[in-house]
């Protein structure tokens, strides 16, 4: 079987001179939302059965067996369906289109968490204190005091933590980097699978993930084998 490979979207992000140097995208969080049939997850040691609602981190792999499928949810409107025979690896980047906020008049970000004093610049260039829940527009500037920090969530689900900034400006483009969405295929396995409850036995652990390359050949490498 050939691997399914398609590019959802790749968007590079720009950093403004006015943005704080220590502003970094917060780690993405994903959830195993729905399961149909036999779905297995590898979180570092082996593929096992996990219940819907399980939190997933970058590097975790979700594998849907025959007549099965799973739904991995990042946030509203950003979900990845793992179909029968697919193996999806949770990426450190968003698998959904990152948003461009240019020409937006509605709020594009929300201050979801804050520690210490944060203040929003007003029309008269004075500053007024703000707290979690404050909605922000493109171009809004937030002053973050010493030893203070704020977590900003953008409308596409990207989160960014900023600390100690004289003038942090809400950007016109999501600060997260979007990923190419790639699925691997599970190679056919001889014989039937016999599993103990919740644990995948070595039969499948030894299977190779076959990748279809540009030359239409399948190469099974050690780095692609299920541990």
N, C-alpha and C. Protein backbone atom coordinates (compact mmCIF):
# COMPACT_ATOMS: atom_id res chain seq x y z
N UNK A 1 0.84 -1.19 0.00
CA UNK A 1 0.00 0.00 0.00
C UNK A 1 0.87 1.24 0.00
N UNK A 2 0.44 2.22 -0.71
CA UNK A 2 1.20 3.46 -0.76
C UNK A 2 0.88 4.34 0.42
N UNK A 3 1.87 5.10 0.82
CA UNK A 3 1.61 6.04 1.91
C UNK A 3 0.85 7.23 1.38
N UNK A 4 0.00 7.79 2.23
CA UNK A 4 -0.75 8.98 1.87
C UNK A 4 0.06 10.19 2.29
N UNK A 5 0.36 11.05 1.36
CA UNK A 5 1.17 12.22 1.66
C UNK A 5 0.54 13.43 1.02
N UNK A 6 0.14 14.39 1.83
CA UNK A 6 -0.31 15.62 1.23
C UNK A 6 -0.01 16.77 2.16
N UNK A 7 0.15 17.90 1.55
CA UNK A 7 0.51 19.10 2.28
C UNK A 7 -0.74 19.86 2.65
N UNK A 8 -0.96 20.01 3.95
CA UNK A 8 -2.12 20.80 4.37
C UNK A 8 -1.82 22.26 4.10
N UNK A 9 -0.75 22.75 4.68
CA UNK A 9 -0.29 24.11 4.38
C UNK A 9 0.97 24.35 5.17
N UNK A 10 1.87 25.13 4.67
CA UNK A 10 3.07 25.49 5.40
C UNK A 10 3.18 27.00 5.38
N UNK A 11 3.20 27.58 6.55
CA UNK A 11 3.25 29.03 6.64
C UNK A 11 4.39 29.42 7.54
N UNK A 12 5.30 30.20 7.04
CA UNK A 12 6.38 30.72 7.86
C UNK A 12 5.87 31.93 8.60
N UNK A 13 6.45 32.20 9.78
CA UNK A 13 5.99 33.36 10.51
C UNK A 13 7.11 34.38 10.61
N UNK A 14 6.73 35.63 10.63
CA UNK A 14 7.67 36.72 10.73
C UNK A 14 7.68 37.24 12.16
N UNK A 15 8.81 37.77 12.58
CA UNK A 15 8.94 38.32 13.91
C UNK A 15 9.20 39.80 13.82
N UNK A 16 8.33 40.58 14.43
CA UNK A 16 8.46 42.03 14.40
C UNK A 16 9.52 42.49 15.38
N UNK A 17 10.17 43.61 15.08
CA UNK A 17 11.17 44.15 15.98
C UNK A 17 10.56 44.53 17.31
N UNK A 18 9.25 44.78 17.33
CA UNK A 18 8.60 45.20 18.56
C UNK A 18 8.20 44.02 19.43
N UNK A 19 8.33 42.81 18.93
CA UNK A 19 7.94 41.64 19.70
C UNK A 19 9.05 41.25 20.65
N UNK A 20 8.68 40.69 21.79
CA UNK A 20 9.67 40.32 22.78
C UNK A 20 10.50 39.16 22.28
N UNK A 21 11.80 39.18 22.60
CA UNK A 21 12.70 38.14 22.13
C UNK A 21 12.37 36.80 22.77
N UNK A 22 11.75 36.83 23.97
CA UNK A 22 11.46 35.58 24.66
C UNK A 22 10.04 35.10 24.41
N UNK A 23 9.40 35.62 23.38
CA UNK A 23 8.06 35.15 23.03
C UNK A 23 8.18 33.88 22.21
N UNK A 24 7.67 32.79 22.74
CA UNK A 24 7.77 31.51 22.04
C UNK A 24 6.40 30.84 22.03
N UNK A 25 6.15 30.07 20.98
CA UNK A 25 4.88 29.36 20.90
C UNK A 25 4.83 28.28 21.97
N UNK A 26 3.75 28.23 22.70
CA UNK A 26 3.59 27.21 23.74
C UNK A 26 3.41 25.84 23.10
N UNK A 27 3.82 24.76 23.81
CA UNK A 27 3.65 23.42 23.25
C UNK A 27 2.19 23.15 22.89
N UNK A 28 2.01 22.54 21.73
CA UNK A 28 0.65 22.23 21.30
C UNK A 28 0.10 21.04 22.08
N UNK A 29 -1.20 21.05 22.27
CA UNK A 29 -1.85 19.95 22.95
C UNK A 29 -2.87 19.31 22.01
N UNK A 30 -2.87 18.00 21.98
CA UNK A 30 -3.82 17.27 21.16
C UNK A 30 -4.54 16.24 22.03
N UNK A 31 -5.72 15.84 21.59
CA UNK A 31 -6.52 14.88 22.34
C UNK A 31 -7.03 13.79 21.40
N UNK A 32 -6.98 12.56 21.86
CA UNK A 32 -7.59 11.45 21.13
C UNK A 32 -9.10 11.57 21.35
N UNK A 33 -9.79 12.16 20.39
CA UNK A 33 -11.19 12.53 20.62
C UNK A 33 -12.16 11.38 20.42
N UNK A 34 -12.05 10.68 19.28
CA UNK A 34 -12.99 9.61 18.97
C UNK A 34 -12.25 8.38 18.45
N UNK A 35 -12.81 7.22 18.73
CA UNK A 35 -12.23 5.95 18.28
C UNK A 35 -13.34 5.07 17.72
N UNK A 36 -13.08 4.48 16.56
CA UNK A 36 -13.97 3.46 16.00
C UNK A 36 -13.13 2.24 15.68
N UNK A 37 -13.48 1.09 16.26
CA UNK A 37 -12.72 -0.12 16.00
C UNK A 37 -11.47 -0.20 16.86
N UNK A 38 -10.39 -0.71 16.26
CA UNK A 38 -9.14 -0.93 16.98
C UNK A 38 -8.13 0.17 16.65
N UNK A 39 -7.88 1.03 17.62
CA UNK A 39 -6.93 2.13 17.47
C UNK A 39 -5.88 2.01 18.55
N UNK A 40 -4.62 2.09 18.16
CA UNK A 40 -3.50 1.91 19.08
C UNK A 40 -2.64 3.17 19.10
N UNK A 41 -2.07 3.45 20.27
CA UNK A 41 -1.27 4.65 20.45
C UNK A 41 0.08 4.28 21.04
N UNK A 42 1.14 4.84 20.47
CA UNK A 42 2.49 4.65 20.99
C UNK A 42 2.95 5.96 21.60
N UNK A 43 3.18 5.96 22.92
CA UNK A 43 3.66 7.16 23.61
C UNK A 43 5.08 6.99 24.11
N UNK A 44 5.82 6.08 23.44
CA UNK A 44 7.24 5.95 23.77
C UNK A 44 7.74 4.54 23.93
N UNK A 45 6.90 3.61 24.38
CA UNK A 45 7.36 2.26 24.64
C UNK A 45 6.77 1.25 23.66
N UNK A 46 5.47 1.25 23.51
CA UNK A 46 4.81 0.27 22.65
C UNK A 46 3.44 0.80 22.26
N UNK A 47 2.84 0.18 21.26
CA UNK A 47 1.48 0.53 20.87
C UNK A 47 0.50 -0.15 21.83
N UNK A 48 -0.38 0.64 22.43
CA UNK A 48 -1.39 0.12 23.34
C UNK A 48 -2.73 0.78 23.04
N UNK A 49 -3.79 0.19 23.56
CA UNK A 49 -5.11 0.77 23.41
C UNK A 49 -5.32 1.82 24.49
N UNK A 50 -5.77 3.00 24.10
CA UNK A 50 -6.04 4.08 25.04
C UNK A 50 -7.46 4.60 24.81
N UNK A 51 -8.04 5.14 25.84
CA UNK A 51 -9.43 5.58 25.77
C UNK A 51 -9.54 6.97 25.15
N UNK A 52 -10.68 7.29 24.54
CA UNK A 52 -10.92 8.65 24.07
C UNK A 52 -10.75 9.64 25.22
N UNK A 53 -10.20 10.79 24.91
CA UNK A 53 -9.92 11.79 25.93
C UNK A 53 -8.47 11.80 26.36
N UNK A 54 -7.69 10.81 25.91
CA UNK A 54 -6.27 10.75 26.24
C UNK A 54 -5.53 11.94 25.64
N UNK A 55 -4.72 12.61 26.46
CA UNK A 55 -3.91 13.72 25.98
C UNK A 55 -2.70 13.18 25.20
N UNK A 56 -2.41 13.81 24.07
CA UNK A 56 -1.30 13.38 23.22
C UNK A 56 -0.27 14.49 23.14
N UNK A 57 0.99 14.09 23.05
CA UNK A 57 2.09 15.06 22.99
C UNK A 57 2.88 14.84 21.71
N UNK A 58 3.69 15.82 21.30
CA UNK A 58 4.50 15.64 20.09
C UNK A 58 5.34 14.37 20.16
N UNK A 59 5.33 13.62 19.08
CA UNK A 59 6.06 12.36 19.01
C UNK A 59 5.19 11.14 19.22
N UNK A 60 4.04 11.30 19.86
CA UNK A 60 3.10 10.18 20.02
C UNK A 60 2.58 9.76 18.64
N UNK A 61 2.33 8.46 18.48
CA UNK A 61 1.82 7.95 17.21
C UNK A 61 0.47 7.27 17.39
N UNK A 62 -0.43 7.56 16.49
CA UNK A 62 -1.77 6.99 16.52
C UNK A 62 -1.93 6.10 15.30
N UNK A 63 -2.30 4.83 15.51
CA UNK A 63 -2.40 3.87 14.42
C UNK A 63 -3.81 3.27 14.39
N UNK A 64 -4.46 3.36 13.24
CA UNK A 64 -5.79 2.77 13.06
C UNK A 64 -5.65 1.46 12.30
N UNK A 65 -6.18 0.40 12.89
CA UNK A 65 -6.09 -0.92 12.28
C UNK A 65 -7.22 -1.11 11.27
N UNK A 66 -7.40 -2.34 10.80
CA UNK A 66 -8.41 -2.65 9.79
C UNK A 66 -9.81 -2.28 10.27
N UNK A 67 -10.58 -1.65 9.39
CA UNK A 67 -11.96 -1.24 9.69
C UNK A 67 -12.04 -0.32 10.91
N UNK A 68 -11.02 0.50 11.09
CA UNK A 68 -10.96 1.39 12.25
C UNK A 68 -10.61 2.81 11.83
N UNK A 69 -10.85 3.74 12.72
CA UNK A 69 -10.44 5.12 12.49
C UNK A 69 -10.41 5.86 13.83
N UNK A 70 -9.69 6.98 13.83
CA UNK A 70 -9.58 7.79 15.04
C UNK A 70 -9.62 9.26 14.65
N UNK A 71 -10.00 10.08 15.60
CA UNK A 71 -10.03 11.52 15.39
C UNK A 71 -9.14 12.17 16.44
N UNK A 72 -8.12 12.89 15.97
CA UNK A 72 -7.21 13.62 16.86
C UNK A 72 -7.61 15.10 16.81
N UNK A 73 -7.88 15.66 17.97
CA UNK A 73 -8.36 17.04 18.03
C UNK A 73 -7.31 17.94 18.67
N UNK A 74 -7.01 19.05 17.97
CA UNK A 74 -6.12 20.06 18.52
C UNK A 74 -6.92 21.19 19.16
N UNK A 75 -7.90 21.69 18.45
CA UNK A 75 -8.80 22.72 18.96
C UNK A 75 -9.96 22.82 17.98
N UNK A 76 -10.89 23.73 18.24
CA UNK A 76 -12.04 23.87 17.35
C UNK A 76 -11.58 24.06 15.91
N UNK A 77 -12.18 23.31 15.01
CA UNK A 77 -11.91 23.41 13.58
C UNK A 77 -10.52 22.91 13.19
N UNK A 78 -9.82 22.26 14.09
CA UNK A 78 -8.52 21.66 13.74
C UNK A 78 -8.51 20.24 14.26
N UNK A 79 -8.91 19.32 13.41
CA UNK A 79 -8.95 17.91 13.75
C UNK A 79 -8.33 17.09 12.62
N UNK A 80 -7.68 16.00 12.98
CA UNK A 80 -7.05 15.11 12.00
C UNK A 80 -7.70 13.74 12.11
N UNK A 81 -8.22 13.23 10.99
CA UNK A 81 -8.80 11.89 10.98
C UNK A 81 -7.73 10.89 10.57
N UNK A 82 -7.53 9.89 11.40
CA UNK A 82 -6.57 8.82 11.12
C UNK A 82 -7.37 7.63 10.62
N UNK A 83 -7.30 7.39 9.32
CA UNK A 83 -8.14 6.36 8.71
C UNK A 83 -7.50 4.98 8.80
N UNK A 84 -8.26 3.98 8.39
CA UNK A 84 -7.81 2.59 8.41
C UNK A 84 -6.43 2.42 7.77
N UNK A 85 -5.52 1.81 8.51
CA UNK A 85 -4.18 1.55 7.99
C UNK A 85 -3.22 2.72 8.08
N UNK A 86 -3.67 3.87 8.59
CA UNK A 86 -2.80 5.04 8.69
C UNK A 86 -2.11 5.10 10.05
N UNK A 87 -0.92 5.68 10.05
CA UNK A 87 -0.20 5.99 11.28
C UNK A 87 0.09 7.48 11.26
N UNK A 88 -0.41 8.19 12.25
CA UNK A 88 -0.23 9.64 12.32
C UNK A 88 0.63 9.99 13.53
N UNK A 89 1.69 10.76 13.30
CA UNK A 89 2.57 11.19 14.38
C UNK A 89 2.22 12.62 14.79
N UNK A 90 2.00 12.82 16.08
CA UNK A 90 1.69 14.15 16.59
C UNK A 90 2.90 15.04 16.37
N UNK A 91 2.70 16.15 15.68
CA UNK A 91 3.78 17.06 15.33
C UNK A 91 3.87 18.18 16.34
N UNK A 92 5.04 18.84 16.40
CA UNK A 92 5.20 19.99 17.29
C UNK A 92 4.54 21.22 16.71
N UNK A 93 4.10 21.12 15.47
CA UNK A 93 3.48 22.27 14.80
C UNK A 93 2.03 21.96 14.47
N UNK A 94 1.28 23.01 14.23
CA UNK A 94 -0.13 22.82 13.90
C UNK A 94 -0.30 22.10 12.57
N UNK A 95 -1.18 21.10 12.49
CA UNK A 95 -1.42 20.43 11.21
C UNK A 95 -2.51 21.11 10.40
N UNK A 96 -3.04 22.20 10.91
CA UNK A 96 -4.11 22.93 10.23
C UNK A 96 -3.60 24.30 9.81
N UNK A 97 -4.28 24.93 8.87
CA UNK A 97 -3.81 26.23 8.38
C UNK A 97 -3.68 27.26 9.49
N UNK A 98 -2.52 27.89 9.56
CA UNK A 98 -2.34 29.01 10.48
C UNK A 98 -3.00 30.24 9.85
N UNK A 99 -3.58 31.06 10.69
CA UNK A 99 -4.36 32.17 10.17
C UNK A 99 -3.54 33.43 9.95
N UNK A 100 -3.95 34.18 8.96
CA UNK A 100 -3.41 35.50 8.70
C UNK A 100 -4.48 36.50 9.12
N UNK A 101 -4.12 37.42 10.00
CA UNK A 101 -5.11 38.33 10.57
C UNK A 101 -5.12 39.72 9.93
N UNK A 102 -4.43 39.88 8.83
CA UNK A 102 -4.40 41.19 8.18
C UNK A 102 -5.82 41.62 7.82
N UNK A 103 -6.08 42.89 8.02
CA UNK A 103 -7.39 43.51 7.70
C UNK A 103 -8.51 43.02 8.60
N UNK A 104 -8.17 42.30 9.68
CA UNK A 104 -9.19 41.85 10.63
C UNK A 104 -9.59 43.00 11.55
N UNK A 105 -10.87 43.19 11.74
CA UNK A 105 -11.36 44.21 12.65
C UNK A 105 -11.82 43.61 13.98
N UNK A 106 -12.13 42.32 13.98
CA UNK A 106 -12.55 41.65 15.21
C UNK A 106 -11.33 41.23 16.02
N UNK A 107 -11.51 40.93 17.31
CA UNK A 107 -10.39 40.45 18.13
C UNK A 107 -9.78 39.18 17.53
N UNK A 108 -8.46 39.08 17.62
CA UNK A 108 -7.76 37.92 17.07
C UNK A 108 -7.07 37.10 18.15
N UNK A 109 -7.01 37.64 19.37
CA UNK A 109 -6.31 36.94 20.45
C UNK A 109 -7.01 37.24 21.78
N UNK A 110 -6.75 36.35 22.74
CA UNK A 110 -7.28 36.51 24.09
C UNK A 110 -6.17 36.25 25.08
N UNK A 111 -6.09 37.07 26.11
CA UNK A 111 -5.18 36.81 27.21
C UNK A 111 -5.83 35.74 28.08
N UNK A 112 -5.30 34.52 28.03
CA UNK A 112 -5.96 33.40 28.73
C UNK A 112 -5.37 33.16 30.11
N UNK A 113 -4.12 33.55 30.31
CA UNK A 113 -3.49 33.40 31.62
C UNK A 113 -2.56 34.59 31.84
N UNK A 114 -2.44 35.02 33.09
CA UNK A 114 -1.51 36.12 33.38
C UNK A 114 -0.97 35.98 34.79
N UNK A 115 0.27 36.41 34.95
CA UNK A 115 0.92 36.45 36.25
C UNK A 115 1.59 37.81 36.38
N UNK A 116 1.31 38.52 37.45
CA UNK A 116 1.89 39.85 37.61
C UNK A 116 1.06 40.91 36.89
N UNK A 117 1.69 42.06 36.67
CA UNK A 117 0.98 43.21 36.10
C UNK A 117 1.12 43.27 34.59
N UNK A 118 -0.02 43.30 33.90
CA UNK A 118 -0.08 43.50 32.45
C UNK A 118 -0.99 44.69 32.18
N UNK A 119 -0.61 45.52 31.22
CA UNK A 119 -1.40 46.71 30.91
C UNK A 119 -1.52 46.90 29.41
N UNK A 120 -2.69 47.35 28.97
CA UNK A 120 -2.97 47.56 27.55
C UNK A 120 -2.90 49.04 27.23
N UNK A 121 -2.19 49.38 26.14
CA UNK A 121 -2.09 50.78 25.75
C UNK A 121 -3.44 51.27 25.22
N UNK A 122 -3.84 52.46 25.66
CA UNK A 122 -5.11 53.05 25.27
C UNK A 122 -4.91 54.03 24.11
N UNK A 123 -6.03 54.57 23.60
CA UNK A 123 -5.96 55.50 22.48
C UNK A 123 -5.14 56.74 22.81
N UNK A 124 -5.17 57.17 24.08
CA UNK A 124 -4.42 58.37 24.47
C UNK A 124 -2.99 58.04 24.87
N UNK A 125 -2.57 56.79 24.58
CA UNK A 125 -1.22 56.28 24.84
C UNK A 125 -0.94 56.04 26.32
N UNK A 126 -1.98 56.14 27.16
CA UNK A 126 -1.82 55.72 28.54
C UNK A 126 -2.01 54.20 28.60
N UNK A 127 -1.77 53.61 29.75
CA UNK A 127 -1.90 52.16 29.90
C UNK A 127 -2.89 51.83 31.01
N UNK A 128 -3.73 50.83 30.77
CA UNK A 128 -4.71 50.38 31.76
C UNK A 128 -4.52 48.89 32.01
N UNK A 129 -4.59 48.50 33.26
CA UNK A 129 -4.37 47.10 33.62
C UNK A 129 -5.39 46.17 32.99
N UNK A 130 -4.94 44.97 32.63
CA UNK A 130 -5.82 43.95 32.06
C UNK A 130 -5.60 42.63 32.78
N UNK A 131 -6.55 41.72 32.63
CA UNK A 131 -6.48 40.41 33.28
C UNK A 131 -6.90 39.34 32.28
N UNK A 132 -6.79 38.09 32.70
CA UNK A 132 -7.19 36.97 31.85
C UNK A 132 -8.63 37.17 31.37
N UNK A 133 -8.85 36.89 30.09
CA UNK A 133 -10.15 37.09 29.48
C UNK A 133 -10.20 38.30 28.57
N UNK A 134 -9.18 39.16 28.67
CA UNK A 134 -9.13 40.35 27.82
C UNK A 134 -8.94 39.95 26.36
N UNK A 135 -9.81 40.45 25.48
CA UNK A 135 -9.70 40.19 24.05
C UNK A 135 -8.88 41.30 23.39
N UNK A 136 -8.11 40.92 22.39
CA UNK A 136 -7.14 41.84 21.81
C UNK A 136 -7.22 41.85 20.28
N UNK A 137 -6.93 43.01 19.71
CA UNK A 137 -6.96 43.20 18.26
C UNK A 137 -5.54 43.29 17.70
N UNK A 138 -5.42 43.13 16.39
CA UNK A 138 -4.14 43.32 15.73
C UNK A 138 -3.62 44.73 16.04
N UNK A 139 -2.36 44.81 16.44
CA UNK A 139 -1.76 46.11 16.73
C UNK A 139 -1.86 46.55 18.17
N UNK A 140 -2.71 45.90 18.97
CA UNK A 140 -2.77 46.23 20.39
C UNK A 140 -1.41 45.98 21.03
N UNK A 141 -1.05 46.85 21.96
CA UNK A 141 0.25 46.71 22.63
C UNK A 141 0.04 46.47 24.12
N UNK A 142 0.73 45.48 24.62
CA UNK A 142 0.60 45.08 26.02
C UNK A 142 1.94 45.25 26.71
N UNK A 143 1.92 45.98 27.82
CA UNK A 143 3.13 46.14 28.62
C UNK A 143 3.11 45.10 29.73
N UNK A 144 4.17 44.32 29.80
CA UNK A 144 4.26 43.23 30.77
C UNK A 144 5.39 43.56 31.74
N UNK A 145 5.05 43.74 33.01
CA UNK A 145 6.00 44.20 34.01
C UNK A 145 7.08 43.16 34.29
N UNK A 146 8.12 43.59 35.00
CA UNK A 146 9.18 42.68 35.43
C UNK A 146 8.58 41.53 36.23
N UNK A 147 9.07 40.33 35.98
CA UNK A 147 8.64 39.11 36.65
C UNK A 147 7.17 38.78 36.38
N UNK A 148 6.61 39.40 35.36
CA UNK A 148 5.23 39.08 34.95
C UNK A 148 5.26 38.35 33.62
N UNK A 149 4.16 37.70 33.29
CA UNK A 149 4.06 37.02 32.00
C UNK A 149 2.60 36.84 31.64
N UNK A 150 2.37 36.65 30.35
CA UNK A 150 1.01 36.44 29.88
C UNK A 150 0.97 35.35 28.82
N UNK A 151 -0.11 34.58 28.80
CA UNK A 151 -0.32 33.56 27.78
C UNK A 151 -1.43 34.06 26.85
N UNK A 152 -1.08 34.21 25.58
CA UNK A 152 -2.03 34.72 24.59
C UNK A 152 -2.47 33.57 23.68
N UNK A 153 -3.77 33.43 23.50
CA UNK A 153 -4.29 32.41 22.59
C UNK A 153 -4.91 33.08 21.37
N UNK A 154 -4.42 32.70 20.20
CA UNK A 154 -4.91 33.29 18.96
C UNK A 154 -6.12 32.51 18.44
N UNK A 155 -6.80 33.08 17.50
CA UNK A 155 -8.06 32.52 17.04
C UNK A 155 -7.90 31.17 16.34
N UNK A 156 -6.69 30.85 15.89
CA UNK A 156 -6.47 29.55 15.25
C UNK A 156 -6.03 28.49 16.25
N UNK A 157 -6.03 28.84 17.55
CA UNK A 157 -5.67 27.88 18.58
C UNK A 157 -4.24 27.96 19.03
N UNK A 158 -3.41 28.70 18.32
CA UNK A 158 -2.00 28.85 18.70
C UNK A 158 -1.91 29.61 20.01
N UNK A 159 -1.02 29.18 20.89
CA UNK A 159 -0.78 29.87 22.16
C UNK A 159 0.66 30.37 22.22
N UNK A 160 0.83 31.53 22.80
CA UNK A 160 2.15 32.15 22.89
C UNK A 160 2.32 32.76 24.27
N UNK A 161 3.43 32.43 24.92
CA UNK A 161 3.72 32.99 26.24
C UNK A 161 4.77 34.09 26.10
N UNK A 162 4.51 35.23 26.72
CA UNK A 162 5.41 36.37 26.64
C UNK A 162 5.71 36.85 28.05
N UNK A 163 6.99 37.14 28.32
CA UNK A 163 7.39 37.60 29.65
C UNK A 163 8.17 38.91 29.56
N UNK A 164 7.91 39.80 30.50
CA UNK A 164 8.68 41.04 30.67
C UNK A 164 8.92 41.77 29.36
N UNK A 165 7.88 42.34 28.81
CA UNK A 165 7.99 43.07 27.55
C UNK A 165 7.51 44.50 27.75
N UNK A 166 8.30 45.47 27.28
CA UNK A 166 7.89 46.86 27.37
C UNK A 166 6.71 47.15 26.46
N UNK A 167 6.66 46.48 25.31
CA UNK A 167 5.63 46.78 24.32
C UNK A 167 5.41 45.59 23.41
N UNK A 168 4.67 44.61 23.89
CA UNK A 168 4.37 43.43 23.08
C UNK A 168 3.19 43.74 22.18
N UNK A 169 3.37 43.61 20.88
CA UNK A 169 2.33 43.96 19.92
C UNK A 169 1.65 42.71 19.37
N UNK A 170 0.33 42.70 19.38
CA UNK A 170 -0.43 41.58 18.82
C UNK A 170 -0.19 41.56 17.31
N UNK A 171 0.32 40.44 16.77
CA UNK A 171 0.71 40.38 15.36
C UNK A 171 -0.48 40.21 14.42
N UNK A 172 -0.22 40.42 13.13
CA UNK A 172 -1.28 40.23 12.13
C UNK A 172 -1.20 38.85 11.49
N UNK A 173 -0.39 37.96 12.09
CA UNK A 173 -0.28 36.59 11.60
C UNK A 173 0.00 35.67 12.77
N UNK A 174 -0.58 34.49 12.76
CA UNK A 174 -0.37 33.55 13.84
C UNK A 174 1.12 33.28 14.05
N UNK A 175 1.60 33.29 15.30
CA UNK A 175 3.02 33.07 15.55
C UNK A 175 3.44 31.60 15.47
N UNK A 176 2.47 30.69 15.39
CA UNK A 176 2.82 29.27 15.27
C UNK A 176 3.21 28.92 13.84
N UNK A 177 3.99 27.88 13.71
CA UNK A 177 4.38 27.37 12.40
C UNK A 177 3.52 26.17 12.07
N UNK A 178 2.93 26.16 10.90
CA UNK A 178 2.06 25.05 10.51
C UNK A 178 2.86 23.94 9.84
N UNK A 179 2.39 22.73 10.04
CA UNK A 179 3.14 21.56 9.57
C UNK A 179 2.59 21.02 8.27
N UNK A 180 3.45 20.29 7.57
CA UNK A 180 2.97 19.44 6.47
C UNK A 180 2.30 18.24 7.12
N UNK A 181 1.14 17.86 6.64
CA UNK A 181 0.39 16.75 7.23
C UNK A 181 0.75 15.47 6.50
N UNK A 182 1.36 14.53 7.21
CA UNK A 182 1.87 13.30 6.59
C UNK A 182 1.32 12.08 7.33
N UNK A 183 0.86 11.11 6.57
CA UNK A 183 0.46 9.83 7.14
C UNK A 183 1.40 8.74 6.61
N UNK A 184 1.77 7.80 7.48
CA UNK A 184 2.45 6.59 7.05
C UNK A 184 1.40 5.49 6.95
N UNK A 185 1.76 4.44 6.22
CA UNK A 185 0.87 3.28 6.10
C UNK A 185 1.48 2.09 6.83
N UNK A 186 0.64 1.32 7.47
CA UNK A 186 1.10 0.09 8.11
C UNK A 186 1.24 -0.98 7.05
N UNK A 187 2.40 -1.62 6.99
CA UNK A 187 2.61 -2.68 6.01
C UNK A 187 1.76 -3.89 6.37
N UNK A 188 1.29 -4.65 5.35
CA UNK A 188 0.51 -5.87 5.63
C UNK A 188 1.32 -6.84 6.47
N UNK A 189 0.66 -7.55 7.38
CA UNK A 189 1.33 -8.47 8.29
C UNK A 189 0.78 -9.87 8.07
N UNK A 190 1.69 -10.83 7.99
CA UNK A 190 1.29 -12.22 7.77
C UNK A 190 0.56 -12.75 9.01
N UNK A 191 -0.55 -13.46 8.78
CA UNK A 191 -1.25 -14.07 9.90
C UNK A 191 -2.13 -13.08 10.63
N UNK A 192 -2.85 -13.58 11.59
CA UNK A 192 -3.76 -12.73 12.36
C UNK A 192 -3.06 -12.18 13.59
N UNK A 193 -3.60 -11.11 14.12
CA UNK A 193 -3.05 -10.52 15.33
C UNK A 193 -3.75 -11.10 16.54
N UNK A 194 -2.96 -11.47 17.53
CA UNK A 194 -3.52 -11.93 18.79
C UNK A 194 -3.04 -10.96 19.85
N UNK A 195 -3.95 -10.31 20.52
CA UNK A 195 -3.55 -9.29 21.49
C UNK A 195 -4.08 -9.59 22.87
N UNK A 196 -3.30 -9.22 23.86
CA UNK A 196 -3.78 -9.21 25.22
C UNK A 196 -4.52 -7.89 25.42
N UNK A 197 -5.39 -7.81 26.38
CA UNK A 197 -6.16 -6.57 26.57
C UNK A 197 -5.25 -5.35 26.71
N UNK A 198 -5.42 -4.42 25.80
CA UNK A 198 -4.72 -3.15 25.91
C UNK A 198 -3.27 -3.16 25.48
N UNK A 199 -2.73 -4.31 25.06
CA UNK A 199 -1.31 -4.36 24.72
C UNK A 199 -1.12 -4.98 23.35
N UNK A 200 -0.26 -4.39 22.56
CA UNK A 200 0.04 -4.94 21.24
C UNK A 200 1.25 -5.84 21.36
N UNK A 201 1.13 -7.09 20.92
CA UNK A 201 2.21 -8.05 21.09
C UNK A 201 3.27 -7.86 20.00
N UNK A 202 4.45 -8.51 20.12
CA UNK A 202 5.56 -8.27 19.20
C UNK A 202 5.27 -8.48 17.73
N UNK A 203 4.19 -9.22 17.37
CA UNK A 203 3.90 -9.43 15.95
C UNK A 203 3.82 -8.11 15.20
N UNK A 204 3.10 -7.16 15.76
CA UNK A 204 2.95 -5.87 15.10
C UNK A 204 4.11 -4.94 15.44
N UNK A 205 4.71 -5.15 16.61
CA UNK A 205 5.83 -4.30 17.00
C UNK A 205 6.98 -4.45 16.01
N UNK A 206 7.12 -5.65 15.44
CA UNK A 206 8.22 -5.89 14.51
C UNK A 206 7.90 -5.44 13.10
N UNK A 207 6.66 -5.04 12.86
CA UNK A 207 6.26 -4.65 11.51
C UNK A 207 6.93 -3.35 11.10
N UNK A 208 7.19 -3.24 9.81
CA UNK A 208 7.81 -2.03 9.29
C UNK A 208 6.75 -1.12 8.71
N UNK A 209 6.95 0.18 8.86
CA UNK A 209 6.06 1.14 8.23
C UNK A 209 6.61 1.42 6.84
N UNK A 210 5.89 0.97 5.82
CA UNK A 210 6.36 1.11 4.44
C UNK A 210 6.06 2.50 3.92
N UNK A 211 7.07 3.16 3.40
CA UNK A 211 6.91 4.51 2.88
C UNK A 211 7.08 4.49 1.36
N UNK A 212 6.14 5.06 0.66
CA UNK A 212 6.19 5.13 -0.80
C UNK A 212 6.98 6.37 -1.19
N UNK A 213 8.12 6.19 -1.80
CA UNK A 213 8.97 7.30 -2.20
C UNK A 213 8.66 7.71 -3.64
N UNK A 214 9.33 8.75 -4.09
CA UNK A 214 9.06 9.28 -5.42
C UNK A 214 9.29 8.26 -6.53
N UNK A 215 10.17 7.29 -6.27
CA UNK A 215 10.47 6.30 -7.31
C UNK A 215 9.54 5.09 -7.24
N UNK A 216 8.45 5.21 -6.46
CA UNK A 216 7.45 4.15 -6.33
C UNK A 216 8.00 2.88 -5.70
N UNK A 217 9.06 3.02 -4.91
CA UNK A 217 9.58 1.86 -4.19
C UNK A 217 9.29 2.02 -2.71
N UNK A 218 9.29 0.88 -2.02
CA UNK A 218 9.04 0.91 -0.59
C UNK A 218 10.33 0.57 0.14
N UNK A 219 10.73 1.43 1.05
CA UNK A 219 11.95 1.20 1.81
C UNK A 219 11.61 1.12 3.29
N UNK A 220 11.96 0.02 3.91
CA UNK A 220 11.73 -0.15 5.34
C UNK A 220 13.04 0.07 6.07
N UNK A 221 13.12 1.16 6.80
CA UNK A 221 14.34 1.50 7.51
C UNK A 221 14.12 1.30 9.01
N UNK A 222 15.24 1.17 9.73
CA UNK A 222 15.13 0.95 11.17
C UNK A 222 14.37 2.08 11.83
N UNK A 223 14.60 3.30 11.35
CA UNK A 223 13.95 4.45 11.96
C UNK A 223 12.47 4.50 11.71
N UNK A 224 11.99 3.67 10.77
CA UNK A 224 10.57 3.67 10.46
C UNK A 224 9.85 2.47 11.07
N UNK A 225 10.60 1.62 11.75
CA UNK A 225 9.98 0.42 12.30
C UNK A 225 9.31 0.73 13.62
N UNK A 226 8.20 0.08 13.88
CA UNK A 226 7.51 0.27 15.15
C UNK A 226 8.35 -0.32 16.27
N UNK A 227 8.57 0.42 17.35
CA UNK A 227 9.40 -0.12 18.44
C UNK A 227 8.68 -1.24 19.18
